[in-house]
PDB file of N, CA and C in Angstrom:
ATOM      1  N   MET A   1      70.489 118.395  81.885  1.00  0.00           N
ATOM      2  CA  MET A   1      70.353 117.082  81.990  1.00  0.00           C
ATOM      3  C   MET A   1      69.632 116.628  80.698  1.00  0.00           C
ATOM      4  N   THR A   2      69.886 115.451  80.141  1.00  0.00           N
ATOM      5  CA  THR A   2      69.379 115.047  78.750  1.00  0.00           C
ATOM      6  C   THR A   2      67.983 114.774  78.725  1.00  0.00           C
ATOM      7  N   LEU A   3      67.195 114.805  77.826  1.00  0.00           N
ATOM      8  CA  LEU A   3      65.753 114.390  77.926  1.00  0.00           C
ATOM      9  C   LEU A   3      65.673 112.809  78.350  1.00  0.00           C
ATOM     10  N   ILE A   4      66.495 112.098  77.820  1.00  0.00           N
ATOM     11  CA  ILE A   4      66.194 110.602  78.214  1.00  0.00           C
ATOM     12  C   ILE A   4      66.515 110.674  79.842  1.00  0.00           C
ATOM     13  N   ARG A   5      67.511 111.293  80.337  1.00  0.00           N
ATOM     14  CA  ARG A   5      67.625 111.140  81.889  1.00  0.00           C
ATOM     15  C   ARG A   5      66.577 111.835  82.635  1.00  0.00           C
ATOM     16  N   GLN A   6      66.072 113.062  82.002  1.00  0.00           N
ATOM     17  CA  GLN A   6      64.916 113.417  82.718  1.00  0.00           C
ATOM     18  C   GLN A   6      63.507 112.572  82.903  1.00  0.00           C
ATOM     19  N   THR A   7      63.540 111.812  81.680  1.00  0.00           N
ATOM     20  CA  THR A   7      62.540 110.846  81.552  1.00  0.00           C
ATOM     21  C   THR A   7      62.674 109.745  82.464  1.00  0.00           C
ATOM     22  N   GLY A   8      63.736 109.235  82.623  1.00  0.00           N
ATOM     23  CA  GLY A   8      64.217 108.320  83.486  1.00  0.00           C
ATOM     24  C   GLY A   8      63.870 108.468  84.945  1.00  0.00           C
ATOM     25  N   VAL A   9      64.406 109.779  85.322  1.00  0.00           N
ATOM     26  CA  VAL A   9      64.180 110.321  86.628  1.00  0.00           C
ATOM     27  C   VAL A   9      62.578 110.513  86.861  1.00  0.00           C
ATOM     28  N   ALA A  10      61.948 110.826  86.052  1.00  0.00           N
ATOM     29  CA  ALA A  10      60.477 110.883  86.125  1.00  0.00           C
ATOM     30  C   ALA A  10      59.635 109.639  86.342  1.00  0.00           C
ATOM     31  N   ILE A  11      60.304 108.725  85.564  1.00  0.00           N
ATOM     32  CA  ILE A  11      59.733 107.363  85.729  1.00  0.00           C
ATOM     33  C   ILE A  11      60.034 106.666  86.988  1.00  0.00           C
ATOM     34  N   VAL A  12      61.383 106.877  87.444  1.00  0.00           N
ATOM     35  CA  VAL A  12      61.478 106.378  88.721  1.00  0.00           C
ATOM     36  C   VAL A  12      60.730 106.993  90.087  1.00  0.00           C
ATOM     37  N   ALA A  13      60.533 108.256  89.791  1.00  0.00           N
ATOM     38  CA  ALA A  13      59.906 108.930  90.702  1.00  0.00           C
ATOM     39  C   ALA A  13      58.491 108.551  90.940  1.00  0.00           C
ATOM     40  N   ALA A  14      57.848 108.318  89.694  1.00  0.00           N
ATOM     41  CA  ALA A  14      56.496 107.927  89.656  1.00  0.00           C
ATOM     42  C   ALA A  14      56.242 106.478  90.201  1.00  0.00           C
ATOM     43  N   VAL A  15      57.416 105.532  89.912  1.00  0.00           N
ATOM     44  CA  VAL A  15      57.192 104.232  90.678  1.00  0.00           C
ATOM     45  C   VAL A  15      57.518 104.488  92.049  1.00  0.00           C
ATOM     46  N   VAL A  16      58.295 104.985  92.438  1.00  0.00           N
ATOM     47  CA  VAL A  16      58.363 105.153  93.914  1.00  0.00           C
ATOM     48  C   VAL A  16      57.293 105.738  94.645  1.00  0.00           C
ATOM     49  N   LEU A  17      56.628 106.762  94.118  1.00  0.00           N
ATOM     50  CA  LEU A  17      55.695 107.501  94.688  1.00  0.00           C
ATOM     51  C   LEU A  17      54.402 106.623  94.765  1.00  0.00           C
ATOM     52  N   SER A  18      54.058 105.995  93.578  1.00  0.00           N
ATOM     53  CA  SER A  18      52.877 104.991  93.442  1.00  0.00           C
ATOM     54  C   SER A  18      52.972 104.080  94.515  1.00  0.00           C
ATOM     55  N   ALA A  19      54.083 103.665  95.062  1.00  0.00           N
ATOM     56  CA  ALA A  19      54.070 102.792  96.169  1.00  0.00           C
ATOM     57  C   ALA A  19      53.951 103.313  97.658  1.00  0.00           C
ATOM     58  N   CYS A  20      54.068 104.609  97.769  1.00  0.00           N
ATOM     59  CA  CYS A  20      54.149 105.272  99.199  1.00  0.00           C
ATOM     60  C   CYS A  20      52.670 105.328  99.684  1.00  0.00           C
ATOM     61  N   THR A  21      52.699 105.005 100.989  1.00  0.00           N
ATOM     62  CA  THR A  21      51.412 105.183 101.681  1.00  0.00           C
ATOM     63  C   THR A  21      51.768 106.110 102.797  1.00  0.00           C
ATOM     64  N   TRP A  22      51.210 107.421 102.762  1.00  0.00           N
ATOM     65  CA  TRP A  22      51.767 108.185 103.779  1.00  0.00           C
ATOM     66  C   TRP A  22      50.526 108.597 104.992  1.00  0.00           C
ATOM     67  N   VAL A  23      49.660 107.988 104.774  1.00  0.00           N
ATOM     68  CA  VAL A  23      48.401 107.878 105.752  1.00  0.00           C
ATOM     69  C   VAL A  23      48.110 106.586 106.589  1.00  0.00           C
ATOM     70  N   GLU A  24      48.502 106.602 107.867  1.00  0.00           N
ATOM     71  CA  GLU A  24      48.219 105.215 108.824  1.00  0.00           C
ATOM     72  C   GLU A  24      47.041 105.515 109.446  1.00  0.00           C
ATOM     73  N   PRO A  25      46.220 104.468 109.679  1.00  0.00           N
ATOM     74  CA  PRO A  25      45.078 104.447 110.509  1.00  0.00           C
ATOM     75  C   PRO A  25      45.592 104.622 112.124  1.00  0.00           C
ATOM     76  N   THR A  26      44.864 105.237 113.060  1.00  0.00           N
ATOM     77  CA  THR A  26      45.102 105.263 114.333  1.00  0.00           C
ATOM     78  C   THR A  26      44.465 103.949 114.941  1.00  0.00           C
ATOM     79  N   PRO A  27      44.843 103.557 116.133  1.00  0.00           N
ATOM     80  CA  PRO A  27      44.340 102.404 116.551  1.00  0.00           C
ATOM     81  C   PRO A  27      42.603 102.366 116.660  1.00  0.00           C
ATOM     82  N   GLN A  28      42.023 103.738 117.030  1.00  0.00           N
ATOM     83  CA  GLN A  28      40.622 103.936 116.878  1.00  0.00           C
ATOM     84  C   GLN A  28      40.272 103.726 115.665  1.00  0.00           C
ATOM     85  N   GLY A  29      40.973 104.503 114.759  1.00  0.00           N
ATOM     86  CA  GLY A  29      40.487 104.683 113.362  1.00  0.00           C
ATOM     87  C   GLY A  29      40.385 103.188 112.582  1.00  0.00           C
ATOM     88  N   GLU A  30      41.100 102.212 112.958  1.00  0.00           N
ATOM     89  CA  GLU A  30      41.203 100.934 112.568  1.00  0.00           C
ATOM     90  C   GLU A  30      39.927 100.130 112.683  1.00  0.00           C
ATOM     91  N   LYS A  31      39.156 100.680 113.734  1.00  0.00           N
ATOM     92  CA  LYS A  31      37.852  99.904 114.111  1.00  0.00           C
ATOM     93  C   LYS A  31      36.637 100.557 113.391  1.00  0.00           C
ATOM     94  N   VAL A  32      36.790 101.726 112.525  1.00  0.00           N
ATOM     95  CA  VAL A  32      35.910 102.314 111.848  1.00  0.00           C
ATOM     96  C   VAL A  32      35.653 101.597 110.395  1.00  0.00           C
ATOM     97  N   ARG A  33      34.529 101.367 109.960  1.00  0.00           N
ATOM     98  CA  ARG A  33      34.046 100.610 108.741  1.00  0.00           C
ATOM     99  C   ARG A  33      33.936 101.931 107.687  1.00  0.00           C
ATOM    100  N   VAL A  34      34.139 101.325 106.470  1.00  0.00           N
ATOM    101  CA  VAL A  34      33.647 102.286 105.312  1.00  0.00           C
ATOM    102  C   VAL A  34      32.640 101.565 104.618  1.00  0.00           C
ATOM    103  N   LEU A  35      31.437 102.069 104.513  1.00  0.00           N
ATOM    104  CA  LEU A  35      30.367 101.159 104.103  1.00  0.00           C
ATOM    105  C   LEU A  35      29.571 102.233 102.755  1.00  0.00           C
ATOM    106  N   ALA A  36      28.559 101.528 102.145  1.00  0.00           N
ATOM    107  CA  ALA A  36      27.833 102.141 101.298  1.00  0.00           C
ATOM    108  C   ALA A  36      26.627 102.849 102.113  1.00  0.00           C
ATOM    109  N   ALA A  37      26.047 103.768 101.511  1.00  0.00           N
ATOM    110  CA  ALA A  37      24.740 104.428 101.808  1.00  0.00           C
ATOM    111  C   ALA A  37      23.625 103.353 102.362  1.00  0.00           C
ATOM    112  N   GLU A  38      23.655 102.455 101.326  1.00  0.00           N
ATOM    113  CA  GLU A  38      22.471 101.267 101.541  1.00  0.00           C
ATOM    114  C   GLU A  38      22.699 100.318 102.869  1.00  0.00           C
ATOM    115  N   GLU A  39      23.868 100.417 103.506  1.00  0.00           N
ATOM    116  CA  GLU A  39      24.444  99.590 104.382  1.00  0.00           C
ATOM    117  C   GLU A  39      24.115 100.144 105.930  1.00  0.00           C
ATOM    118  N   VAL A  40      23.722 101.550 105.830  1.00  0.00           N
ATOM    119  CA  VAL A  40      23.790 102.264 106.940  1.00  0.00           C
ATOM    120  C   VAL A  40      22.249 102.917 107.386  1.00  0.00           C
ATOM    121  N   THR A  41      21.308 101.972 106.954  1.00  0.00           N
ATOM    122  CA  THR A  41      19.781 102.426 106.987  1.00  0.00           C
ATOM    123  C   THR A  41      19.594 102.489 108.426  1.00  0.00           C
ATOM    124  N   LYS A  42      19.703 101.552 109.378  1.00  0.00           N
ATOM    125  CA  LYS A  42      19.599 101.413 110.747  1.00  0.00           C
ATOM    126  C   LYS A  42      20.535 102.257 111.787  1.00  0.00           C
ATOM    127  N   CYS A  43      21.488 102.905 110.998  1.00  0.00           N
ATOM    128  CA  CYS A  43      22.616 103.683 111.757  1.00  0.00           C
ATOM    129  C   CYS A  43      22.033 105.184 112.111  1.00  0.00           C
ATOM    130  N   THR A  44      22.815 105.786 112.978  1.00  0.00           N
ATOM    131  CA  THR A  44      22.472 107.116 113.425  1.00  0.00           C
ATOM    132  C   THR A  44      23.702 108.054 112.685  1.00  0.00           C
ATOM    133  N   LYS A  45      23.214 109.127 112.050  1.00  0.00           N
ATOM    134  CA  LYS A  45      24.286 109.904 111.416  1.00  0.00           C
ATOM    135  C   LYS A  45      24.683 110.911 112.355  1.00  0.00           C
ATOM    136  N   VAL A  46      25.898 110.988 112.720  1.00  0.00           N
ATOM    137  CA  VAL A  46      26.553 111.743 113.837  1.00  0.00           C
ATOM    138  C   VAL A  46      27.261 113.057 113.383  1.00  0.00           C
ATOM    139  N   GLY A  47      27.415 113.107 111.927  1.00  0.00           N
ATOM    140  CA  GLY A  47      28.031 114.228 111.487  1.00  0.00           C
ATOM    141  C   GLY A  47      28.920 114.090 109.879  1.00  0.00           C
ATOM    142  N   GLN A  48      29.607 114.853 109.801  1.00  0.00           N
ATOM    143  CA  GLN A  48      30.151 114.684 108.282  1.00  0.00           C
ATOM    144  C   GLN A  48      31.721 115.358 108.411  1.00  0.00           C
ATOM    145  N   THR A  49      32.363 114.812 107.643  1.00  0.00           N
ATOM    146  CA  THR A  49      34.010 115.300 107.742  1.00  0.00           C
ATOM    147  C   THR A  49      34.277 115.185 106.039  1.00  0.00           C
ATOM    148  N   THR A  50      35.238 116.124 105.663  1.00  0.00           N
ATOM    149  CA  THR A  50      35.641 116.193 104.466  1.00  0.00           C
ATOM    150  C   THR A  50      37.201 116.318 104.821  1.00  0.00           C
ATOM    151  N   VAL A  51      37.885 115.395 104.067  1.00  0.00           N
ATOM    152  CA  VAL A  51      39.338 115.026 104.191  1.00  0.00           C
ATOM    153  C   VAL A  51      40.142 115.267 102.791  1.00  0.00           C
ATOM    154  N   SER A  52      41.281 115.552 102.974  1.00  0.00           N
ATOM    155  CA  SER A  52      42.134 115.793 101.737  1.00  0.00           C
ATOM    156  C   SER A  52      43.579 115.571 101.693  1.00  0.00           C
ATOM    157  N   LEU A  53      44.280 115.241 100.740  1.00  0.00           N
ATOM    158  CA  LEU A  53      45.676 114.864 100.701  1.00  0.00           C
ATOM    159  C   LEU A  53      46.279 115.126  99.286  1.00  0.00           C
ATOM    160  N   LEU A  54      47.372 115.032  99.089  1.00  0.00           N
ATOM    161  CA  LEU A  54      47.771 115.400  97.922  1.00  0.00           C
ATOM    162  C   LEU A  54      47.667 114.326  96.923  1.00  0.00           C
ATOM    163  N   ALA A  55      47.117 114.617  95.667  1.00  0.00           N
ATOM    164  CA  ALA A  55      46.705 113.785  94.552  1.00  0.00           C
ATOM    165  C   ALA A  55      47.933 113.734  93.681  1.00  0.00           C
ATOM    166  N   LYS A  56      48.721 114.873  93.634  1.00  0.00           N
ATOM    167  CA  LYS A  56      49.807 114.859  92.763  1.00  0.00           C
ATOM    168  C   LYS A  56      51.187 115.244  93.629  1.00  0.00           C
ATOM    169  N   VAL A  57      52.095 114.699  93.184  1.00  0.00           N
ATOM    170  CA  VAL A  57      53.519 115.069  93.804  1.00  0.00           C
ATOM    171  C   VAL A  57      54.539 115.344  92.788  1.00  0.00           C
ATOM    172  N   ILE A  58      54.904 116.261  92.789  1.00  0.00           N
ATOM    173  CA  ILE A  58      56.001 116.920  91.743  1.00  0.00           C
ATOM    174  C   ILE A  58      55.342 116.819  90.426  1.00  0.00           C
ATOM    175  N   GLY A  59      54.183 117.118  90.404  1.00  0.00           N
ATOM    176  CA  GLY A  59      53.393 117.242  89.086  1.00  0.00           C
ATOM    177  C   GLY A  59      52.877 115.881  88.518  1.00  0.00           C
ATOM    178  N   ILE A  60      53.226 114.954  89.356  1.00  0.00           N
ATOM    179  CA  ILE A  60      52.850 113.385  88.857  1.00  0.00           C
ATOM    180  C   ILE A  60      51.488 113.001  89.685  1.00  0.00           C
ATOM    181  N   GLU A  61      50.510 112.632  88.755  1.00  0.00           N
ATOM    182  CA  GLU A  61      49.320 112.034  89.663  1.00  0.00           C
ATOM    183  C   GLU A  61      49.822 110.781  90.309  1.00  0.00           C
ATOM    184  N   ARG A  62      49.123 110.400  91.622  1.00  0.00           N
ATOM    185  CA  ARG A  62      49.367 109.349  92.372  1.00  0.00           C
ATOM    186  C   ARG A  62      48.251 108.416  91.822  1.00  0.00           C
ATOM    187  N   ASN A  63      48.649 107.458  92.332  1.00  0.00           N
ATOM    188  CA  ASN A  63      47.782 106.122  92.021  1.00  0.00           C
ATOM    189  C   ASN A  63      46.285 106.329  92.542  1.00  0.00           C
ATOM    190  N   PRO A  64      45.207 106.603  91.639  1.00  0.00           N
ATOM    191  CA  PRO A  64      44.032 106.741  92.301  1.00  0.00           C
ATOM    192  C   PRO A  64      43.557 105.818  93.199  1.00  0.00           C
ATOM    193  N   HIS A  65      43.803 104.595  93.145  1.00  0.00           N
ATOM    194  CA  HIS A  65      43.343 103.734  94.282  1.00  0.00           C
ATOM    195  C   HIS A  65      44.041 104.062  95.550  1.00  0.00           C
ATOM    196  N   LYS A  66      45.281 104.359  95.671  1.00  0.00           N
ATOM    197  CA  LYS A  66      45.986 104.589  96.902  1.00  0.00           C
ATOM    198  C   LYS A  66      45.501 105.805  97.292  1.00  0.00           C
ATOM    199  N   VAL A  67      45.349 106.810  96.627  1.00  0.00           N
ATOM    200  CA  VAL A  67      44.580 108.083  96.995  1.00  0.00           C
ATOM    201  C   VAL A  67      43.182 107.877  97.784  1.00  0.00           C
ATOM    202  N   GLN A  68      42.431 106.944  96.996  1.00  0.00           N
ATOM    203  CA  GLN A  68      41.164 106.716  97.760  1.00  0.00           C
ATOM    204  C   GLN A  68      41.364 105.845  99.034  1.00  0.00           C
ATOM    205  N   ASP A  69      42.113 104.809  99.105  1.00  0.00           N
ATOM    206  CA  ASP A  69      42.446 104.232 100.308  1.00  0.00           C
ATOM    207  C   ASP A  69      42.914 105.172 101.454  1.00  0.00           C
ATOM    208  N   GLU A  70      43.808 106.184 101.240  1.00  0.00           N
ATOM    209  CA  GLU A  70      44.249 107.106 101.974  1.00  0.00           C
ATOM    210  C   GLU A  70      43.325 107.819 102.570  1.00  0.00           C
ATOM    211  N   LEU A  71      42.398 108.406 101.725  1.00  0.00           N
ATOM    212  CA  LEU A  71      41.290 109.290 101.980  1.00  0.00           C
ATOM    213  C   LEU A  71      40.326 108.477 102.847  1.00  0.00           C
ATOM    214  N   ASN A  72      40.028 107.218 102.733  1.00  0.00           N
ATOM    215  CA  ASN A  72      39.224 106.261 103.523  1.00  0.00           C
ATOM    216  C   ASN A  72      39.883 106.184 104.921  1.00  0.00           C
ATOM    217  N   THR A  73      41.131 106.058 105.051  1.00  0.00           N
ATOM    218  CA  THR A  73      41.899 106.136 106.323  1.00  0.00           C
ATOM    219  C   THR A  73      41.676 107.470 106.965  1.00  0.00           C
ATOM    220  N   LEU A  74      41.742 108.549 106.335  1.00  0.00           N
ATOM    221  CA  LEU A  74      41.726 109.798 106.863  1.00  0.00           C
ATOM    222  C   LEU A  74      40.383 110.041 107.456  1.00  0.00           C
ATOM    223  N   ALA A  75      39.495 109.655 106.806  1.00  0.00           N
ATOM    224  CA  ALA A  75      37.898 109.559 107.104  1.00  0.00           C
ATOM    225  C   ALA A  75      37.790 108.793 108.378  1.00  0.00           C
ATOM    226  N   ARG A  76      38.184 107.542 108.264  1.00  0.00           N
ATOM    227  CA  ARG A  76      38.056 106.603 109.456  1.00  0.00           C
ATOM    228  C   ARG A  76      38.765 107.314 110.713  1.00  0.00           C
ATOM    229  N   ASN A  77      39.813 107.847 110.586  1.00  0.00           N
ATOM    230  CA  ASN A  77      40.470 108.562 111.749  1.00  0.00           C
ATOM    231  C   ASN A  77      39.667 109.737 112.179  1.00  0.00           C
ATOM    232  N   SER A  78      39.018 110.430 111.490  1.00  0.00           N
ATOM    233  CA  SER A  78      38.590 111.544 111.648  1.00  0.00           C
ATOM    234  C   SER A  78      36.834 111.244 112.404  1.00  0.00           C
ATOM    235  N   ALA A  79      36.342 109.916 111.757  1.00  0.00           N
ATOM    236  CA  ALA A  79      35.059 109.809 112.338  1.00  0.00           C
ATOM    237  C   ALA A  79      35.244 109.456 114.040  1.00  0.00           C
ATOM    238  N   VAL A  80      36.343 109.054 114.359  1.00  0.00           N
ATOM    239  CA  VAL A  80      36.527 108.853 115.955  1.00  0.00           C
ATOM    240  C   VAL A  80      36.197 110.054 116.621  1.00  0.00           C
ATOM    241  N   GLU A  81      36.630 111.297 116.218  1.00  0.00           N
ATOM    242  CA  GLU A  81      36.458 112.570 116.851  1.00  0.00           C
ATOM    243  C   GLU A  81      35.031 112.796 116.789  1.00  0.00           C
ATOM    244  N   LEU A  82      34.255 112.300 116.060  1.00  0.00           N
ATOM    245  CA  LEU A  82      32.779 112.395 116.096  1.00  0.00           C
ATOM    246  C   LEU A  82      31.894 111.261 116.853  1.00  0.00           C
ATOM    247  N   ASP A  83      32.675 110.584 117.388  1.00  0.00           N
ATOM    248  CA  ASP A  83      32.009 109.263 118.001  1.00  0.00           C
ATOM    249  C   ASP A  83      31.318 108.438 116.970  1.00  0.00           C
ATOM    250  N   GLY A  84      32.064 108.294 115.857  1.00  0.00           N
ATOM    251  CA  GLY A  84      31.388 107.473 114.868  1.00  0.00           C
ATOM    252  C   GLY A  84      32.003 106.116 114.594  1.00  0.00           C
ATOM    253  N   ASP A  85      31.515 105.026 114.166  1.00  0.00           N
ATOM    254  CA  ASP A  85      31.988 103.805 113.965  1.00  0.00           C
ATOM    255  C   ASP A  85      32.114 103.467 112.629  1.00  0.00           C
ATOM    256  N   THR A  86      31.443 104.316 111.727  1.00  0.00           N
ATOM    257  CA  THR A  86      31.283 103.941 110.210  1.00  0.00           C
ATOM    258  C   THR A  86      31.243 105.313 109.449  1.00  0.00           C
ATOM    259  N   VAL A  87      31.764 105.149 108.288  1.00  0.00           N
ATOM    260  CA  VAL A  87      31.854 106.379 107.277  1.00  0.00           C
ATOM    261  C   VAL A  87      31.290 105.841 106.055  1.00  0.00           C
ATOM    262  N   VAL A  88      30.644 106.818 105.184  1.00  0.00           N
ATOM    263  CA  VAL A  88      30.080 106.391 104.109  1.00  0.00           C
ATOM    264  C   VAL A  88      30.477 107.788 103.130  1.00  0.00           C
ATOM    265  N   PRO A  89      31.117 107.371 102.059  1.00  0.00           N
ATOM    266  CA  PRO A  89      31.506 108.600 101.024  1.00  0.00           C
ATOM    267  C   PRO A  89      30.262 109.165 100.445  1.00  0.00           C
ATOM    268  N   VAL A  90      30.341 110.510 100.457  1.00  0.00           N
ATOM    269  CA  VAL A  90      29.060 111.243  99.713  1.00  0.00           C
ATOM    270  C   VAL A  90      29.306 111.903  98.599  1.00  0.00           C
ATOM    271  N   SER A  91      30.746 112.240  98.303  1.00  0.00           N
ATOM    272  CA  SER A  91      31.280 112.692  97.167  1.00  0.00           C
ATOM    273  C   SER A  91      32.123 111.977  96.354  1.00  0.00           C
ATOM    274  N   ALA A  92      32.394 112.381  95.069  1.00  0.00           N
ATOM    275  CA  ALA A  92      33.464 111.734  94.544  1.00  0.00           C
ATOM    276  C   ALA A  92      34.891 112.364  95.022  1.00  0.00           C
ATOM    277  N   VAL A  93      36.026 111.996  94.628  1.00  0.00           N
ATOM    278  CA  VAL A  93      37.321 112.411  94.778  1.00  0.00           C
ATOM    279  C   VAL A  93      37.569 113.459  93.896  1.00  0.00           C
ATOM    280  N   GLU A  94      37.746 114.690  94.276  1.00  0.00           N
ATOM    281  CA  GLU A  94      38.173 115.786  93.352  1.00  0.00           C
ATOM    282  C   GLU A  94      39.207 116.511  94.106  1.00  0.00           C
ATOM    283  N   ASP A  95      40.417 116.613  93.206  1.00  0.00           N
ATOM    284  CA  ASP A  95      41.693 117.161  93.631  1.00  0.00           C
ATOM    285  C   ASP A  95      42.098 116.676  95.031  1.00  0.00           C
ATOM    286  N   GLY A  96      42.186 115.383  95.400  1.00  0.00           N
ATOM    287  CA  GLY A  96      42.426 114.882  96.402  1.00  0.00           C
ATOM    288  C   GLY A  96      41.677 115.108  97.738  1.00  0.00           C
ATOM    289  N   LYS A  97      40.368 115.448  97.549  1.00  0.00           N
ATOM    290  CA  LYS A  97      39.416 115.833  98.544  1.00  0.00           C
ATOM    291  C   LYS A  97      38.242 114.868  98.409  1.00  0.00           C
ATOM    292  N   GLN A  98      37.601 114.404  99.530  1.00  0.00           N
ATOM    293  CA  GLN A  98      36.338 113.845  99.392  1.00  0.00           C
ATOM    294  C   GLN A  98      35.431 114.041 100.862  1.00  0.00           C
ATOM    295  N   THR A  99      34.415 114.010 100.855  1.00  0.00           N
ATOM    296  CA  THR A  99      33.368 114.389 101.952  1.00  0.00           C
ATOM    297  C   THR A  99      32.760 112.811 102.175  1.00  0.00           C
ATOM    298  N   PHE A 100      32.639 112.546 103.639  1.00  0.00           N
ATOM    299  CA  PHE A 100      32.187 111.286 104.025  1.00  0.00           C
ATOM    300  C   PHE A 100      30.993 111.758 105.139  1.00  0.00           C
ATOM    301  N   ASP A 101      30.044 111.069 105.106  1.00  0.00           N
ATOM    302  CA  ASP A 101      29.012 111.119 106.242  1.00  0.00           C
ATOM    303  C   ASP A 101      29.564 110.297 107.450  1.00  0.00           C
ATOM    304  N   VAL A 102      29.370 110.509 108.682  1.00  0.00           N
ATOM    305  CA  VAL A 102      29.712 109.617 109.601  1.00  0.00           C
ATOM    306  C   VAL A 102      28.542 109.191 110.521  1.00  0.00           C
ATOM    307  N   TYR A 103      28.727 107.774 110.780  1.00  0.00           N
ATOM    308  CA  TYR A 103      27.452 107.328 111.295  1.00  0.00           C
ATOM    309  C   TYR A 103      28.096 106.458 112.714  1.00  0.00           C
ATOM    310  N   ARG A 104      26.996 106.458 113.545  1.00  0.00           N
ATOM    311  CA  ARG A 104      27.139 105.281 114.763  1.00  0.00           C
ATOM    312  C   ARG A 104      26.168 104.240 114.549  1.00  0.00           C
ATOM    313  N   CYS A 105      26.798 103.088 114.235  1.00  0.00           N
ATOM    314  CA  CYS A 105      25.885 101.880 113.884  1.00  0.00           C
ATOM    315  C   CYS A 105      25.868 100.728 115.010  1.00  0.00           C
ATOM    316  N   VAL A 106      26.766 100.708 115.816  1.00  0.00           N
ATOM    317  CA  VAL A 106      27.130  99.889 116.821  1.00  0.00           C
ATOM    318  C   VAL A 106      26.665 100.427 118.162  1.00  0.00           C
ATOM    319  N   PRO A 107      25.439 100.105 118.822  1.00  0.00           N
ATOM    320  CA  PRO A 107      25.230 100.695 120.182  1.00  0.00           C
ATOM    321  C   PRO A 107      26.293 100.516 121.168  1.00  0.00           C
ATOM    322  N   ARG A 108      26.182 101.655 122.142  1.00  0.00           N
ATOM    323  CA  ARG A 108      27.218 101.834 123.147  1.00  0.00           C
ATOM    324  C   ARG A 108      26.390 101.425 124.426  1.00  0.00           C
TER     325      ARG A 108
END
């Protein structure tokens, strides 16, 4: 394969991959909010979750905004298992991995 063709294939792959969304919220996860720490002062912390996904595909970095959106979705889905209704990111995204605190803000 020529260099020009290889470059073209890489560009097409990057464009296609940047549009992909691989993580979907569960029906329960759709109800979980992502907030900042200052917004949960009257909530009860119920746990913590660390979620991860591929930040690179075939050596190409994925769009950082898509990665963040998908990590938020994974955290929201995970919060349901801890009976939480809100997640707060407590770490930066590193190699497609991020930690969130899980809170219950709405009384049952």
